[in-house]
C-alpha atoms as a PDB file:
ATOM      1  CA  MET A   1      81.228 211.447 -33.476  1.00  0.00           C
ATOM      2  CA  THR A   2      79.826 208.870 -30.916  1.00  0.00           C
ATOM      3  CA  ASP A   3      81.491 205.736 -29.278  1.00  0.00           C
ATOM      4  CA  VAL A   4      80.126 202.930 -27.463  1.00  0.00           C
ATOM      5  CA  ALA A   5      80.002 204.066 -23.681  1.00  0.00           C
ATOM      6  CA  LEU A   6      82.012 202.370 -21.317  1.00  0.00           C
ATOM      7  CA  PHE A   7      80.322 202.421 -17.919  1.00  0.00           C
ATOM      8  CA  TRP A   8      83.043 202.853 -14.442  1.00  0.00           C
ATOM      9  CA  ASP A   9      81.802 200.672 -11.609  1.00  0.00           C
ATOM     10  CA  ALA A  10      83.992 201.652  -8.728  1.00  0.00           C
ATOM     11  CA  GLU A  11      83.219 198.963  -6.369  1.00  0.00           C
ATOM     12  CA  ALA A  12      83.514 196.054  -8.958  1.00  0.00           C
ATOM     13  CA  VAL A  13      86.911 197.711 -10.195  1.00  0.00           C
ATOM     14  CA  ALA A  14      85.937 197.224 -14.112  1.00  0.00           C
ATOM     15  CA  ALA A  15      84.272 199.366 -16.878  1.00  0.00           C
ATOM     16  CA  ASP A  16      81.032 197.724 -18.866  1.00  0.00           C
ATOM     17  CA  MET A  17      78.948 199.062 -21.552  1.00  0.00           C
ATOM     18  CA  THR A  18      74.980 199.097 -20.870  1.00  0.00           C
ATOM     19  CA  LEU A  19      71.844 198.863 -22.568  1.00  0.00           C
ATOM     20  CA  GLU A  20      69.635 201.986 -23.317  1.00  0.00           C
ATOM     21  CA  ALA A  21      66.204 201.441 -25.074  1.00  0.00           C
ATOM     22  CA  GLY A  22      67.869 198.296 -26.303  1.00  0.00           C
ATOM     23  CA  ASP A  23      70.861 199.578 -27.985  1.00  0.00           C
ATOM     24  CA  LEU A  24      74.352 200.181 -26.425  1.00  0.00           C
ATOM     25  CA  ALA A  25      74.727 203.411 -25.166  1.00  0.00           C
ATOM     26  CA  THR A  26      77.169 205.587 -27.159  1.00  0.00           C
ATOM     27  CA  GLU A  27      78.849 209.112 -25.993  1.00  0.00           C
ATOM     28  CA  ALA A  28      80.174 211.694 -27.861  1.00  0.00           C
ATOM     29  CA  GLY A  29      83.031 212.638 -25.093  1.00  0.00           C
ATOM     30  CA  LEU A  30      86.184 211.660 -24.086  1.00  0.00           C
ATOM     31  CA  LYS A  31      84.988 209.194 -20.714  1.00  0.00           C
ATOM     32  CA  THR A  32      84.994 205.779 -22.398  1.00  0.00           C
ATOM     33  CA  ALA A  33      89.015 207.150 -23.821  1.00  0.00           C
ATOM     34  CA  VAL A  34      90.041 208.271 -20.610  1.00  0.00           C
ATOM     35  CA  ILE A  35      88.727 205.000 -18.631  1.00  0.00           C
ATOM     36  CA  ILE A  36      90.532 202.768 -21.775  1.00  0.00           C
ATOM     37  CA  SER A  37      93.664 204.509 -21.142  1.00  0.00           C
ATOM     38  CA  LEU A  38      93.744 204.528 -17.359  1.00  0.00           C
ATOM     39  CA  PHE A  39      92.062 201.018 -16.893  1.00  0.00           C
ATOM     40  CA  THR A  40      93.869 198.873 -19.623  1.00  0.00           C
ATOM     41  CA  ASP A  41      97.693 197.245 -18.393  1.00  0.00           C
ATOM     42  CA  ARG A  42      99.906 198.824 -20.020  1.00  0.00           C
ATOM     43  CA  ARG A  43     103.040 196.375 -20.175  1.00  0.00           C
ATOM     44  CA  ALA A  44     105.370 196.978 -17.155  1.00  0.00           C
ATOM     45  CA  ARG A  45     108.599 198.207 -18.275  1.00  0.00           C
ATOM     46  CA  PRO A  46     111.379 196.240 -17.215  1.00  0.00           C
ATOM     47  CA  ASP A  47     112.895 198.547 -14.094  1.00  0.00           C
ATOM     48  CA  ASP A  48     109.254 198.194 -12.828  1.00  0.00           C
ATOM     49  CA  PRO A  49     108.866 196.634  -9.495  1.00  0.00           C
ATOM     50  CA  LEU A  50     106.011 194.207  -9.941  1.00  0.00           C
ATOM     51  CA  PRO A  51     103.247 193.184  -7.117  1.00  0.00           C
ATOM     52  CA  GLU A  52     104.669 190.141  -6.837  1.00  0.00           C
ATOM     53  CA  ALA A  53     107.841 188.616  -8.038  1.00  0.00           C
ATOM     54  CA  GLY A  54     107.947 187.043 -11.526  1.00  0.00           C
ATOM     55  CA  ALA A  55     104.494 187.837 -11.791  1.00  0.00           C
ATOM     56  CA  ASP A  56     103.518 188.862 -15.665  1.00  0.00           C
ATOM     57  CA  ARG A  57     104.434 191.926 -17.008  1.00  0.00           C
ATOM     58  CA  ARG A  58     101.149 192.532 -18.605  1.00  0.00           C
ATOM     59  CA  GLY A  59     100.125 194.591 -21.345  1.00  0.00           C
ATOM     60  CA  TRP A  60      98.463 194.681 -24.694  1.00  0.00           C
ATOM     61  CA  TRP A  61      99.870 192.009 -27.144  1.00  0.00           C
ATOM     62  CA  GLY A  62      99.280 194.991 -29.956  1.00  0.00           C
ATOM     63  CA  ASP A  63     101.684 197.454 -28.437  1.00  0.00           C
ATOM     64  CA  VAL A  64     104.491 195.055 -29.925  1.00  0.00           C
ATOM     65  CA  THR A  65     103.984 196.363 -33.108  1.00  0.00           C
ATOM     66  CA  ALA A  66     103.648 199.927 -32.048  1.00  0.00           C
ATOM     67  CA  ARG A  67     104.963 202.730 -34.998  1.00  0.00           C
ATOM     68  CA  GLU A  68     106.328 205.079 -32.196  1.00  0.00           C
ATOM     69  CA  ALA A  69     107.820 204.918 -28.712  1.00  0.00           C
ATOM     70  CA  ASP A  70     105.956 205.387 -25.800  1.00  0.00           C
ATOM     71  CA  ASP A  71     102.893 204.797 -28.352  1.00  0.00           C
ATOM     72  CA  GLU A  72     101.324 201.878 -25.581  1.00  0.00           C
ATOM     73  CA  ILE A  73      97.632 201.768 -24.550  1.00  0.00           C
ATOM     74  CA  GLY A  74      96.710 201.743 -20.834  1.00  0.00           C
ATOM     75  CA  SER A  75      98.489 202.638 -17.335  1.00  0.00           C
ATOM     76  CA  ARG A  76     100.884 201.350 -15.554  1.00  0.00           C
ATOM     77  CA  LEU A  77      98.331 202.201 -12.526  1.00  0.00           C
ATOM     78  CA  TRP A  78      97.889 197.858 -12.008  1.00  0.00           C
ATOM     79  CA  LEU A  79     101.562 198.274 -10.491  1.00  0.00           C
ATOM     80  CA  LEU A  80     100.170 199.629  -7.160  1.00  0.00           C
ATOM     81  CA  SER A  81      97.429 197.325  -6.483  1.00  0.00           C
ATOM     82  CA  ARG A  82      99.493 196.036  -3.618  1.00  0.00           C
ATOM     83  CA  GLU A  83     101.464 199.415  -2.531  1.00  0.00           C
ATOM     84  CA  LYS A  84     100.968 201.375   0.991  1.00  0.00           C
ATOM     85  CA  GLN A  85      99.233 204.348   1.104  1.00  0.00           C
ATOM     86  CA  THR A  86     102.328 206.780   1.227  1.00  0.00           C
ATOM     87  CA  ALA A  87     102.506 210.195  -0.730  1.00  0.00           C
ATOM     88  CA  GLU A  88     105.238 208.729  -3.147  1.00  0.00           C
ATOM     89  CA  VAL A  89     102.500 206.015  -3.815  1.00  0.00           C
ATOM     90  CA  VAL A  90     100.249 208.896  -4.891  1.00  0.00           C
ATOM     91  CA  ALA A  91     102.692 210.807  -6.602  1.00  0.00           C
ATOM     92  CA  ARG A  92     103.288 207.722  -9.050  1.00  0.00           C
ATOM     93  CA  ALA A  93      99.936 206.849  -9.715  1.00  0.00           C
ATOM     94  CA  ARG A  94      99.476 210.562 -10.558  1.00  0.00           C
ATOM     95  CA  GLU A  95     102.474 210.020 -12.968  1.00  0.00           C
ATOM     96  CA  TYR A  96     101.097 206.869 -14.397  1.00  0.00           C
ATOM     97  CA  ALA A  97      97.849 208.431 -15.322  1.00  0.00           C
ATOM     98  CA  LEU A  98      99.356 211.333 -17.162  1.00  0.00           C
ATOM     99  CA  GLU A  99     101.521 208.694 -18.860  1.00  0.00           C
ATOM    100  CA  ALA A 100      98.345 207.231 -19.660  1.00  0.00           C
ATOM    101  CA  LEU A 101      96.696 210.042 -20.975  1.00  0.00           C
ATOM    102  CA  GLY A 102      99.214 211.561 -22.903  1.00  0.00           C
ATOM    103  CA  TRP A 103      98.302 210.532 -26.123  1.00  0.00           C
ATOM    104  CA  MET A 104      95.708 213.071 -26.080  1.00  0.00           C
ATOM    105  CA  LEU A 105      98.090 215.700 -26.053  1.00  0.00           C
ATOM    106  CA  ARG A 106      99.972 214.139 -28.699  1.00  0.00           C
ATOM    107  CA  ASP A 107      97.014 213.021 -30.831  1.00  0.00           C
ATOM    108  CA  ARG A 108      95.685 216.820 -30.147  1.00  0.00           C
ATOM    109  CA  VAL A 109      92.741 215.773 -28.706  1.00  0.00           C
ATOM    110  CA  ALA A 110      93.202 217.511 -25.871  1.00  0.00           C
ATOM    111  CA  SER A 111      95.276 221.182 -25.294  1.00  0.00           C
ATOM    112  CA  ALA A 112      95.645 220.456 -21.358  1.00  0.00           C
ATOM    113  CA  VAL A 113      95.567 217.455 -19.214  1.00  0.00           C
ATOM    114  CA  GLU A 114      95.377 217.792 -15.219  1.00  0.00           C
ATOM    115  CA  VAL A 115      95.478 214.752 -12.740  1.00  0.00           C
ATOM    116  CA  VAL A 116      95.207 215.000  -9.149  1.00  0.00           C
ATOM    117  CA  ALA A 117      95.761 211.373  -7.322  1.00  0.00           C
ATOM    118  CA  GLU A 118      94.660 211.718  -3.509  1.00  0.00           C
ATOM    119  CA  ILE A 119      93.554 208.492  -0.919  1.00  0.00           C
ATOM    120  CA  THR A 120      89.941 209.128  -0.553  1.00  0.00           C
ATOM    121  CA  ARG A 121      89.690 206.665   2.195  1.00  0.00           C
ATOM    122  CA  PRO A 122      91.985 203.906   3.976  1.00  0.00           C
ATOM    123  CA  GLY A 123      92.213 201.286   0.627  1.00  0.00           C
ATOM    124  CA  VAL A 124      90.846 203.653  -1.967  1.00  0.00           C
ATOM    125  CA  LEU A 125      92.625 206.194  -4.451  1.00  0.00           C
ATOM    126  CA  GLY A 126      90.877 208.653  -6.321  1.00  0.00           C
ATOM    127  CA  LEU A 127      92.104 209.944  -9.666  1.00  0.00           C
ATOM    128  CA  SER A 128      90.016 213.463 -10.713  1.00  0.00           C
ATOM    129  CA  ILE A 129      91.397 214.263 -14.285  1.00  0.00           C
ATOM    130  CA  ILE A 130      90.353 217.330 -15.953  1.00  0.00           C
ATOM    131  CA  ILE A 131      90.802 217.347 -19.781  1.00  0.00           C
ATOM    132  CA  THR A 132      90.957 221.066 -22.443  1.00  0.00           C
ATOM    133  CA  ARG A 133      90.144 220.556 -25.658  1.00  0.00           C
ATOM    134  CA  PRO A 134      91.479 222.563 -28.561  1.00  0.00           C
ATOM    135  CA  ASP A 135      88.134 223.326 -29.826  1.00  0.00           C
ATOM    136  CA  GLY A 136      84.732 222.658 -28.453  1.00  0.00           C
ATOM    137  CA  PRO A 137      83.422 222.323 -25.416  1.00  0.00           C
ATOM    138  CA  GLY A 138      85.825 223.292 -23.093  1.00  0.00           C
ATOM    139  CA  ARG A 139      86.937 221.251 -20.346  1.00  0.00           C
ATOM    140  CA  GLU A 140      85.651 218.025 -18.993  1.00  0.00           C
ATOM    141  CA  ARG A 141      85.915 216.447 -15.594  1.00  0.00           C
ATOM    142  CA  PHE A 142      86.109 212.815 -14.906  1.00  0.00           C
ATOM    143  CA  ASP A 143      86.803 211.765 -11.372  1.00  0.00           C
ATOM    144  CA  PHE A 144      87.640 207.618 -10.741  1.00  0.00           C
ATOM    145  CA  VAL A 145      87.606 206.103  -7.437  1.00  0.00           C
ATOM    146  CA  TRP A 146      89.222 202.514  -6.366  1.00  0.00           C
ATOM    147  CA  LYS A 147      89.879 200.255  -3.995  1.00  0.00           C
ATOM    148  CA  GLY A 148      93.379 198.452  -3.848  1.00  0.00           C
ATOM    149  CA  LEU A 149      95.913 200.107  -1.886  1.00  0.00           C
ATOM    150  CA  SER A 150      96.863 198.551   1.649  1.00  0.00           C
END
């Protein structure tokens, strides 16, 4: 089965669709699901420090009707946008990415999800993700970088 493909643009810090031969590009892997999981803003928890005091806690309106606890779309990576480059922030980035991709394990889309977070250069956070499929082509690797850390 194929889905409309999203392509990550690290410079624009955004994903977008593209055309191939006059049609929307598609893909049969997990790249688009990973992009949506990581780069859609999950609602901040009540105890999460917001990048700006009193700011919107964001999130997708459809999560209001989630049937299961922790069945929300997106990640809390957006909370790191004004953070300093510290080991604690890198650890939180990894935690947020694992949380965002956890649905793949619960829904048995993956048998394992590995995330490595690192500062790739000043102001740039990188995530390397390896997803192991339970039945299928084995492992898929995804690498994302984006600017935003101070």
